[in-house]
Every structure is written in C-alpha cells, then in structure tokens.
Amino acid sequence: MKEYITKRVHELYWKEDINCARTALVCLSELFEIVIEPQTIWSAVGLHGAGGYRAQCGLVEGTLMFIGIYLHMIGKSEDEIVSACYNFASAFDREFGSLRCFELRPTGFSESDPPHMCENLTCNGIGFAYQYILGITEK
C-alpha cells in the first residue's frame, strides 16, 4: 500500500500536475476501488489550501470528500458520515499538528518554491487517511 501511494502520488504530481486534494481523491478511490465522477474531481481543483490561500489543507478536504462518497456508498447515515469526518479531522490534526496549509506548508505558495514540495506530506497523509477509513469501516 505504501509503495503504491508513493508511486501514484509521484505520477499524479509530476505527470498530471494535479493538486493535493485531487490526488487524495484519486488515490483513495483507487485504493478502495470506487469510481469518482470527473465532475467531483473538478470540484476539488481549488482545494489546495483554498486555492493557495493556505487555509484548510487539501489533503484533509480531499479525504473528507472521499469519506462522504465512500461511506454513503456503503450505507452509512448522514450523521455517521458527519461524525467520521469530524473524527478524521481530529485525528489528522493530532497526527500532523494542524489542519491548516498555513502551518503544514509554512513557506506558502511562491514562484520560488520547488514544484510539489508537499509530496512527502501527501504520501503520509493519504496513507494515514487510508488506514483511518479502513479502521472505521471494519467496525
């Protein structure tokens, strides 16, 4: 799983040049074998820290979108989905120290940044999200 995530994130970042939120959606959908509609992928185009504003991390946003889609597909109620999203945000915050791109990517988004500087964080964040979703669906 870790090797798959590392390879896939690298491909999505360097070959398709997509952001962290869309990368999370794509990777999680592939890992859980769920088709994500293109319109949903496009809805996440500006979710990398709220379009670079450095607000909520796109890894969190993409995962929350996936949790909503996946848990709905397996028959969870709206209240269960909301609770799972809250608990994921809390767990992500504990694990990585923040939900905010401002703190996770302290240099922001400038032209002088190397491309895809969050690649390692993305791999770790998607691995964390995958384990979290497995944990809540195996109960």
N, C-alpha and C. Protein backbone atom coordinates (compact mmCIF):
# COMPACT_ATOMS: atom_id res chain seq x y z
N MET A 1 0.82 -1.18 0.00
CA MET A 1 0.00 0.00 0.00
C MET A 1 0.87 1.26 0.00
N LYS A 2 1.88 1.29 0.87
CA LYS A 2 2.75 2.47 0.95
C LYS A 2 3.49 2.70 -0.36
N GLU A 3 4.00 1.64 -0.96
CA GLU A 3 4.69 1.75 -2.25
C GLU A 3 3.74 2.26 -3.32
N TYR A 4 2.52 1.72 -3.32
CA TYR A 4 1.52 2.15 -4.30
C TYR A 4 1.25 3.65 -4.16
N ILE A 5 1.02 4.09 -2.93
CA ILE A 5 0.72 5.50 -2.68
C ILE A 5 1.89 6.38 -3.13
N THR A 6 3.09 6.00 -2.76
CA THR A 6 4.28 6.79 -3.13
C THR A 6 4.40 6.92 -4.65
N LYS A 7 4.25 5.82 -5.35
CA LYS A 7 4.35 5.81 -6.81
C LYS A 7 3.22 6.62 -7.44
N ARG A 8 2.01 6.40 -6.97
CA ARG A 8 0.84 7.06 -7.56
C ARG A 8 0.86 8.57 -7.31
N VAL A 9 1.23 8.99 -6.10
CA VAL A 9 1.32 10.42 -5.80
C VAL A 9 2.35 11.06 -6.72
N HIS A 10 3.49 10.42 -6.88
CA HIS A 10 4.53 10.96 -7.75
C HIS A 10 4.00 11.12 -9.18
N GLU A 11 3.32 10.10 -9.69
CA GLU A 11 2.75 10.18 -11.04
C GLU A 11 1.74 11.33 -11.15
N LEU A 12 0.83 11.41 -10.20
CA LEU A 12 -0.21 12.43 -10.26
C LEU A 12 0.37 13.84 -10.15
N TYR A 13 1.38 14.00 -9.33
CA TYR A 13 2.00 15.31 -9.18
C TYR A 13 2.84 15.68 -10.40
N TRP A 14 3.70 14.78 -10.84
CA TRP A 14 4.69 15.14 -11.86
C TRP A 14 4.21 14.92 -13.28
N LYS A 15 3.31 13.99 -13.52
CA LYS A 15 2.82 13.76 -14.88
C LYS A 15 1.51 14.49 -15.15
N GLU A 16 0.62 14.54 -14.14
CA GLU A 16 -0.68 15.18 -14.34
C GLU A 16 -0.75 16.56 -13.71
N ASP A 17 0.21 16.87 -12.86
CA ASP A 17 0.31 18.17 -12.20
C ASP A 17 -1.01 18.59 -11.52
N ILE A 18 -1.58 17.66 -10.76
CA ILE A 18 -2.81 17.98 -10.03
C ILE A 18 -2.50 18.24 -8.56
N ASN A 19 -3.42 18.91 -7.89
CA ASN A 19 -3.17 19.33 -6.51
C ASN A 19 -3.37 18.20 -5.50
N CYS A 20 -3.11 18.51 -4.25
CA CYS A 20 -3.16 17.53 -3.17
C CYS A 20 -4.58 16.99 -2.93
N ALA A 21 -5.58 17.85 -3.03
CA ALA A 21 -6.96 17.40 -2.79
C ALA A 21 -7.39 16.40 -3.86
N ARG A 22 -7.12 16.72 -5.11
CA ARG A 22 -7.48 15.79 -6.19
C ARG A 22 -6.64 14.51 -6.11
N THR A 23 -5.38 14.66 -5.72
CA THR A 23 -4.52 13.49 -5.57
C THR A 23 -5.06 12.56 -4.49
N ALA A 24 -5.50 13.14 -3.38
CA ALA A 24 -6.09 12.33 -2.30
C ALA A 24 -7.35 11.62 -2.80
N LEU A 25 -8.22 12.34 -3.49
CA LEU A 25 -9.44 11.73 -4.03
C LEU A 25 -9.12 10.57 -4.98
N VAL A 26 -8.20 10.80 -5.89
CA VAL A 26 -7.85 9.77 -6.87
C VAL A 26 -7.23 8.55 -6.18
N CYS A 27 -6.25 8.77 -5.33
CA CYS A 27 -5.58 7.65 -4.67
C CYS A 27 -6.55 6.85 -3.81
N LEU A 28 -7.35 7.53 -3.01
CA LEU A 28 -8.29 6.81 -2.14
C LEU A 28 -9.34 6.07 -2.96
N SER A 29 -9.79 6.68 -4.05
CA SER A 29 -10.78 5.99 -4.89
C SER A 29 -10.18 4.74 -5.52
N GLU A 30 -8.92 4.80 -5.89
CA GLU A 30 -8.27 3.62 -6.46
C GLU A 30 -8.02 2.56 -5.39
N LEU A 31 -7.59 2.98 -4.22
CA LEU A 31 -7.33 2.02 -3.15
C LEU A 31 -8.59 1.30 -2.69
N PHE A 32 -9.72 2.01 -2.70
CA PHE A 32 -10.98 1.41 -2.27
C PHE A 32 -11.85 0.96 -3.44
N GLU A 33 -11.29 1.07 -4.66
CA GLU A 33 -11.96 0.62 -5.88
C GLU A 33 -13.34 1.26 -6.05
N ILE A 34 -13.37 2.58 -5.94
CA ILE A 34 -14.59 3.37 -6.10
C ILE A 34 -14.37 4.33 -7.27
N VAL A 35 -15.33 4.38 -8.18
CA VAL A 35 -15.24 5.32 -9.29
C VAL A 35 -15.66 6.70 -8.80
N ILE A 36 -14.84 7.69 -9.08
CA ILE A 36 -15.16 9.08 -8.76
C ILE A 36 -15.48 9.78 -10.08
N GLU A 37 -16.62 10.43 -10.15
CA GLU A 37 -17.03 11.12 -11.36
C GLU A 37 -16.08 12.28 -11.66
N PRO A 38 -15.81 12.54 -12.93
CA PRO A 38 -14.93 13.65 -13.30
C PRO A 38 -15.39 14.99 -12.70
N GLN A 39 -16.68 15.20 -12.62
CA GLN A 39 -17.19 16.45 -12.05
C GLN A 39 -16.75 16.61 -10.59
N THR A 40 -16.69 15.52 -9.86
CA THR A 40 -16.24 15.56 -8.47
C THR A 40 -14.76 15.90 -8.40
N ILE A 41 -13.98 15.31 -9.29
CA ILE A 41 -12.54 15.62 -9.34
C ILE A 41 -12.35 17.11 -9.65
N TRP A 42 -13.14 17.63 -10.57
CA TRP A 42 -13.03 19.06 -10.91
C TRP A 42 -13.47 19.94 -9.74
N SER A 43 -14.37 19.47 -8.92
CA SER A 43 -14.82 20.29 -7.79
C SER A 43 -13.68 20.54 -6.80
N ALA A 44 -12.64 19.72 -6.85
CA ALA A 44 -11.52 19.84 -5.92
C ALA A 44 -10.35 20.61 -6.52
N VAL A 45 -10.52 21.22 -7.68
CA VAL A 45 -9.41 21.88 -8.37
C VAL A 45 -8.83 23.04 -7.55
N GLY A 46 -9.62 23.70 -6.74
CA GLY A 46 -9.12 24.83 -5.96
C GLY A 46 -8.97 24.53 -4.49
N LEU A 47 -8.90 23.27 -4.13
CA LEU A 47 -8.87 22.90 -2.71
C LEU A 47 -7.46 22.70 -2.16
N HIS A 48 -6.46 23.17 -2.81
CA HIS A 48 -5.10 23.12 -2.25
C HIS A 48 -4.91 24.34 -1.36
N GLY A 49 -5.35 24.19 -0.12
CA GLY A 49 -5.25 25.31 0.82
C GLY A 49 -6.17 26.45 0.43
N ALA A 50 -7.35 26.13 -0.11
CA ALA A 50 -8.32 27.12 -0.59
C ALA A 50 -7.72 27.96 -1.72
N GLY A 51 -7.25 27.26 -2.74
CA GLY A 51 -6.71 27.94 -3.91
C GLY A 51 -5.38 28.62 -3.67
N GLY A 52 -4.62 28.13 -2.71
CA GLY A 52 -3.33 28.73 -2.38
C GLY A 52 -3.41 29.78 -1.29
N TYR A 53 -4.59 29.99 -0.74
CA TYR A 53 -4.76 30.95 0.35
C TYR A 53 -4.15 30.45 1.65
N ARG A 54 -3.82 29.18 1.68
CA ARG A 54 -3.20 28.47 2.81
C ARG A 54 -4.18 28.25 3.96
N ALA A 55 -5.43 28.03 3.62
CA ALA A 55 -6.44 27.70 4.64
C ALA A 55 -6.40 26.18 4.86
N GLN A 56 -7.54 25.53 4.92
CA GLN A 56 -7.55 24.10 5.23
C GLN A 56 -6.77 23.30 4.18
N CYS A 57 -5.96 22.38 4.66
CA CYS A 57 -5.13 21.53 3.81
C CYS A 57 -5.99 20.73 2.83
N GLY A 58 -5.55 20.71 1.58
CA GLY A 58 -6.25 19.95 0.55
C GLY A 58 -6.28 18.46 0.81
N LEU A 59 -5.29 17.94 1.53
CA LEU A 59 -5.31 16.51 1.87
C LEU A 59 -6.50 16.21 2.77
N VAL A 60 -6.80 17.13 3.67
CA VAL A 60 -7.96 16.97 4.55
C VAL A 60 -9.24 17.10 3.72
N GLU A 61 -9.31 18.12 2.89
CA GLU A 61 -10.52 18.35 2.11
C GLU A 61 -10.81 17.20 1.15
N GLY A 62 -9.78 16.74 0.44
CA GLY A 62 -9.97 15.62 -0.48
C GLY A 62 -10.41 14.36 0.24
N THR A 63 -9.82 14.12 1.40
CA THR A 63 -10.20 12.94 2.18
C THR A 63 -11.63 13.07 2.69
N LEU A 64 -12.01 14.25 3.17
CA LEU A 64 -13.38 14.44 3.64
C LEU A 64 -14.38 14.21 2.52
N MET A 65 -14.06 14.68 1.33
CA MET A 65 -14.93 14.43 0.18
C MET A 65 -15.04 12.92 -0.06
N PHE A 66 -13.90 12.23 -0.02
CA PHE A 66 -13.93 10.79 -0.26
C PHE A 66 -14.71 10.06 0.83
N ILE A 67 -14.51 10.44 2.08
CA ILE A 67 -15.24 9.81 3.18
C ILE A 67 -16.75 9.93 2.95
N GLY A 68 -17.20 11.11 2.55
CA GLY A 68 -18.63 11.29 2.27
C GLY A 68 -19.12 10.38 1.16
N ILE A 69 -18.37 10.29 0.08
CA ILE A 69 -18.76 9.44 -1.05
C ILE A 69 -18.76 7.97 -0.64
N TYR A 70 -17.66 7.53 -0.05
CA TYR A 70 -17.49 6.11 0.27
C TYR A 70 -18.47 5.64 1.35
N LEU A 71 -18.58 6.39 2.42
CA LEU A 71 -19.48 5.95 3.49
C LEU A 71 -20.93 5.96 3.04
N HIS A 72 -21.29 6.90 2.19
CA HIS A 72 -22.65 6.88 1.62
C HIS A 72 -22.86 5.61 0.80
N MET A 73 -21.85 5.26 -0.01
CA MET A 73 -21.97 4.07 -0.86
C MET A 73 -22.11 2.78 -0.06
N ILE A 74 -21.52 2.73 1.14
CA ILE A 74 -21.63 1.50 1.93
C ILE A 74 -22.79 1.57 2.93
N GLY A 75 -23.65 2.57 2.77
CA GLY A 75 -24.89 2.60 3.53
C GLY A 75 -24.87 3.31 4.86
N LYS A 76 -23.87 4.13 5.12
CA LYS A 76 -23.82 4.86 6.39
C LYS A 76 -24.79 6.04 6.34
N SER A 77 -25.30 6.41 7.50
CA SER A 77 -26.24 7.53 7.58
C SER A 77 -25.48 8.85 7.50
N GLU A 78 -26.21 9.92 7.27
CA GLU A 78 -25.59 11.24 7.22
C GLU A 78 -24.91 11.57 8.54
N ASP A 79 -25.56 11.25 9.65
CA ASP A 79 -24.95 11.51 10.96
C ASP A 79 -23.65 10.73 11.14
N GLU A 80 -23.62 9.49 10.68
CA GLU A 80 -22.39 8.68 10.77
C GLU A 80 -21.27 9.27 9.91
N ILE A 81 -21.64 9.79 8.74
CA ILE A 81 -20.65 10.38 7.85
C ILE A 81 -20.08 11.66 8.47
N VAL A 82 -20.96 12.49 9.01
CA VAL A 82 -20.51 13.73 9.65
C VAL A 82 -19.58 13.41 10.81
N SER A 83 -19.94 12.42 11.60
CA SER A 83 -19.11 12.03 12.74
C SER A 83 -17.75 11.50 12.27
N ALA A 84 -17.75 10.70 11.21
CA ALA A 84 -16.49 10.17 10.67
C ALA A 84 -15.60 11.30 10.16
N CYS A 85 -16.20 12.31 9.54
CA CYS A 85 -15.43 13.46 9.05
C CYS A 85 -14.83 14.24 10.22
N TYR A 86 -15.63 14.47 11.23
CA TYR A 86 -15.14 15.18 12.43
C TYR A 86 -13.98 14.42 13.05
N ASN A 87 -14.17 13.12 13.22
CA ASN A 87 -13.13 12.30 13.85
C ASN A 87 -11.87 12.23 12.99
N PHE A 88 -12.03 12.21 11.66
CA PHE A 88 -10.85 12.23 10.80
C PHE A 88 -10.08 13.54 10.98
N ALA A 89 -10.79 14.65 10.96
CA ALA A 89 -10.14 15.95 11.13
C ALA A 89 -9.37 16.00 12.44
N SER A 90 -9.98 15.52 13.49
CA SER A 90 -9.34 15.50 14.80
C SER A 90 -8.09 14.62 14.79
N ALA A 91 -8.21 13.44 14.19
CA ALA A 91 -7.08 12.51 14.12
C ALA A 91 -5.95 13.08 13.25
N PHE A 92 -6.29 13.69 12.12
CA PHE A 92 -5.29 14.30 11.24
C PHE A 92 -4.55 15.42 11.98
N ASP A 93 -5.30 16.22 12.69
CA ASP A 93 -4.72 17.33 13.46
C ASP A 93 -3.73 16.80 14.50
N ARG A 94 -4.11 15.74 15.19
CA ARG A 94 -3.21 15.14 16.19
C ARG A 94 -1.96 14.57 15.53
N GLU A 95 -2.14 13.90 14.40
CA GLU A 95 -1.03 13.23 13.72
C GLU A 95 -0.04 14.21 13.08
N PHE A 96 -0.57 15.25 12.44
CA PHE A 96 0.28 16.14 11.64
C PHE A 96 0.45 17.52 12.28
N GLY A 97 -0.27 17.79 13.35
CA GLY A 97 -0.09 19.05 14.08
C GLY A 97 -0.93 20.21 13.61
N SER A 98 -1.72 20.02 12.58
CA SER A 98 -2.57 21.09 12.07
C SER A 98 -3.48 20.57 10.97
N LEU A 99 -4.52 21.33 10.68
CA LEU A 99 -5.37 21.10 9.50
C LEU A 99 -5.12 22.19 8.47
N ARG A 100 -4.31 23.15 8.83
CA ARG A 100 -4.13 24.34 8.01
C ARG A 100 -2.88 24.26 7.14
N CYS A 101 -3.08 24.51 5.90
CA CYS A 101 -1.97 24.56 4.96
C CYS A 101 -0.93 25.59 5.42
N PHE A 102 -1.40 26.67 6.02
CA PHE A 102 -0.52 27.72 6.52
C PHE A 102 0.54 27.16 7.45
N GLU A 103 0.17 26.19 8.27
CA GLU A 103 1.11 25.59 9.23
C GLU A 103 1.81 24.37 8.66
N LEU A 104 1.13 23.61 7.81
CA LEU A 104 1.73 22.42 7.23
C LEU A 104 2.71 22.76 6.11
N ARG A 105 2.46 23.87 5.43
CA ARG A 105 3.32 24.35 4.33
C ARG A 105 3.68 25.80 4.65
N PRO A 106 4.55 26.00 5.63
CA PRO A 106 4.79 27.35 6.15
C PRO A 106 5.36 28.35 5.15
N THR A 107 5.97 27.89 4.08
CA THR A 107 6.52 28.84 3.11
C THR A 107 5.46 29.35 2.14
N GLY A 108 4.27 28.75 2.18
CA GLY A 108 3.19 29.20 1.30
C GLY A 108 3.36 28.70 -0.12
N PHE A 109 2.87 29.49 -1.03
CA PHE A 109 2.92 29.14 -2.45
C PHE A 109 3.58 30.30 -3.19
N SER A 110 4.85 30.18 -3.47
CA SER A 110 5.51 31.23 -4.23
C SER A 110 6.21 30.62 -5.44
N GLU A 111 6.49 31.47 -6.39
CA GLU A 111 7.13 31.02 -7.63
C GLU A 111 8.50 30.39 -7.38
N SER A 112 9.12 30.76 -6.28
CA SER A 112 10.46 30.24 -5.99
C SER A 112 10.44 28.86 -5.32
N ASP A 113 9.25 28.39 -4.92
CA ASP A 113 9.15 27.07 -4.31
C ASP A 113 9.47 25.98 -5.33
N PRO A 114 10.10 24.92 -4.88
CA PRO A 114 10.26 23.78 -5.79
C PRO A 114 8.88 23.19 -6.06
N PRO A 115 8.67 22.61 -7.23
CA PRO A 115 7.36 22.04 -7.52
C PRO A 115 7.03 20.89 -6.58
N HIS A 116 5.78 20.79 -6.25
CA HIS A 116 5.24 19.67 -5.47
C HIS A 116 6.00 19.44 -4.17
N MET A 117 6.26 20.52 -3.45
CA MET A 117 7.04 20.41 -2.22
C MET A 117 6.30 19.65 -1.11
N CYS A 118 5.02 19.39 -1.27
CA CYS A 118 4.27 18.63 -0.27
C CYS A 118 4.15 17.14 -0.62
N GLU A 119 4.97 16.68 -1.54
CA GLU A 119 4.84 15.29 -1.99
C GLU A 119 4.97 14.29 -0.84
N ASN A 120 5.94 14.47 0.02
CA ASN A 120 6.13 13.55 1.14
C ASN A 120 4.95 13.62 2.11
N LEU A 121 4.52 14.84 2.44
CA LEU A 121 3.35 15.01 3.30
C LEU A 121 2.12 14.38 2.66
N THR A 122 1.98 14.51 1.36
CA THR A 122 0.84 13.93 0.66
C THR A 122 0.84 12.41 0.80
N CYS A 123 1.99 11.79 0.60
CA CYS A 123 2.09 10.33 0.75
C CYS A 123 1.71 9.92 2.16
N ASN A 124 2.26 10.61 3.14
CA ASN A 124 1.95 10.28 4.54
C ASN A 124 0.49 10.55 4.87
N GLY A 125 -0.05 11.64 4.37
CA GLY A 125 -1.44 11.99 4.63
C GLY A 125 -2.41 11.01 4.01
N ILE A 126 -2.14 10.57 2.79
CA ILE A 126 -3.02 9.60 2.13
C ILE A 126 -2.91 8.24 2.81
N GLY A 127 -1.71 7.85 3.19
CA GLY A 127 -1.55 6.60 3.96
C GLY A 127 -2.32 6.65 5.26
N PHE A 128 -2.25 7.77 5.94
CA PHE A 128 -2.99 7.96 7.19
C PHE A 128 -4.49 7.89 6.93
N ALA A 129 -4.95 8.57 5.88
CA ALA A 129 -6.38 8.56 5.55
C ALA A 129 -6.86 7.14 5.22
N TYR A 130 -6.06 6.42 4.45
CA TYR A 130 -6.41 5.04 4.08
C TYR A 130 -6.59 4.18 5.33
N GLN A 131 -5.63 4.26 6.25
CA GLN A 131 -5.73 3.47 7.48
C GLN A 131 -6.93 3.91 8.32
N TYR A 132 -7.19 5.20 8.38
CA TYR A 132 -8.34 5.70 9.13
C TYR A 132 -9.64 5.14 8.54
N ILE A 133 -9.79 5.21 7.23
CA ILE A 133 -11.03 4.73 6.59
C ILE A 133 -11.18 3.23 6.77
N LEU A 134 -10.09 2.49 6.64
CA LEU A 134 -10.16 1.04 6.91
C LEU A 134 -10.65 0.79 8.34
N GLY A 135 -10.11 1.54 9.27
CA GLY A 135 -10.47 1.36 10.68
C GLY A 135 -11.94 1.63 10.96
N ILE A 136 -12.50 2.65 10.33
CA ILE A 136 -13.91 2.95 10.61
C ILE A 136 -14.87 2.04 9.86
N THR A 137 -14.42 1.44 8.77
CA THR A 137 -15.32 0.56 8.01
C THR A 137 -15.22 -0.89 8.45
N GLU A 138 -14.23 -1.22 9.23
CA GLU A 138 -14.08 -2.59 9.72
C GLU A 138 -14.79 -2.81 11.04
N LYS A 139 -15.34 -1.75 11.61
CA LYS A 139 -16.02 -1.86 12.91
C LYS A 139 -17.39 -2.47 12.75
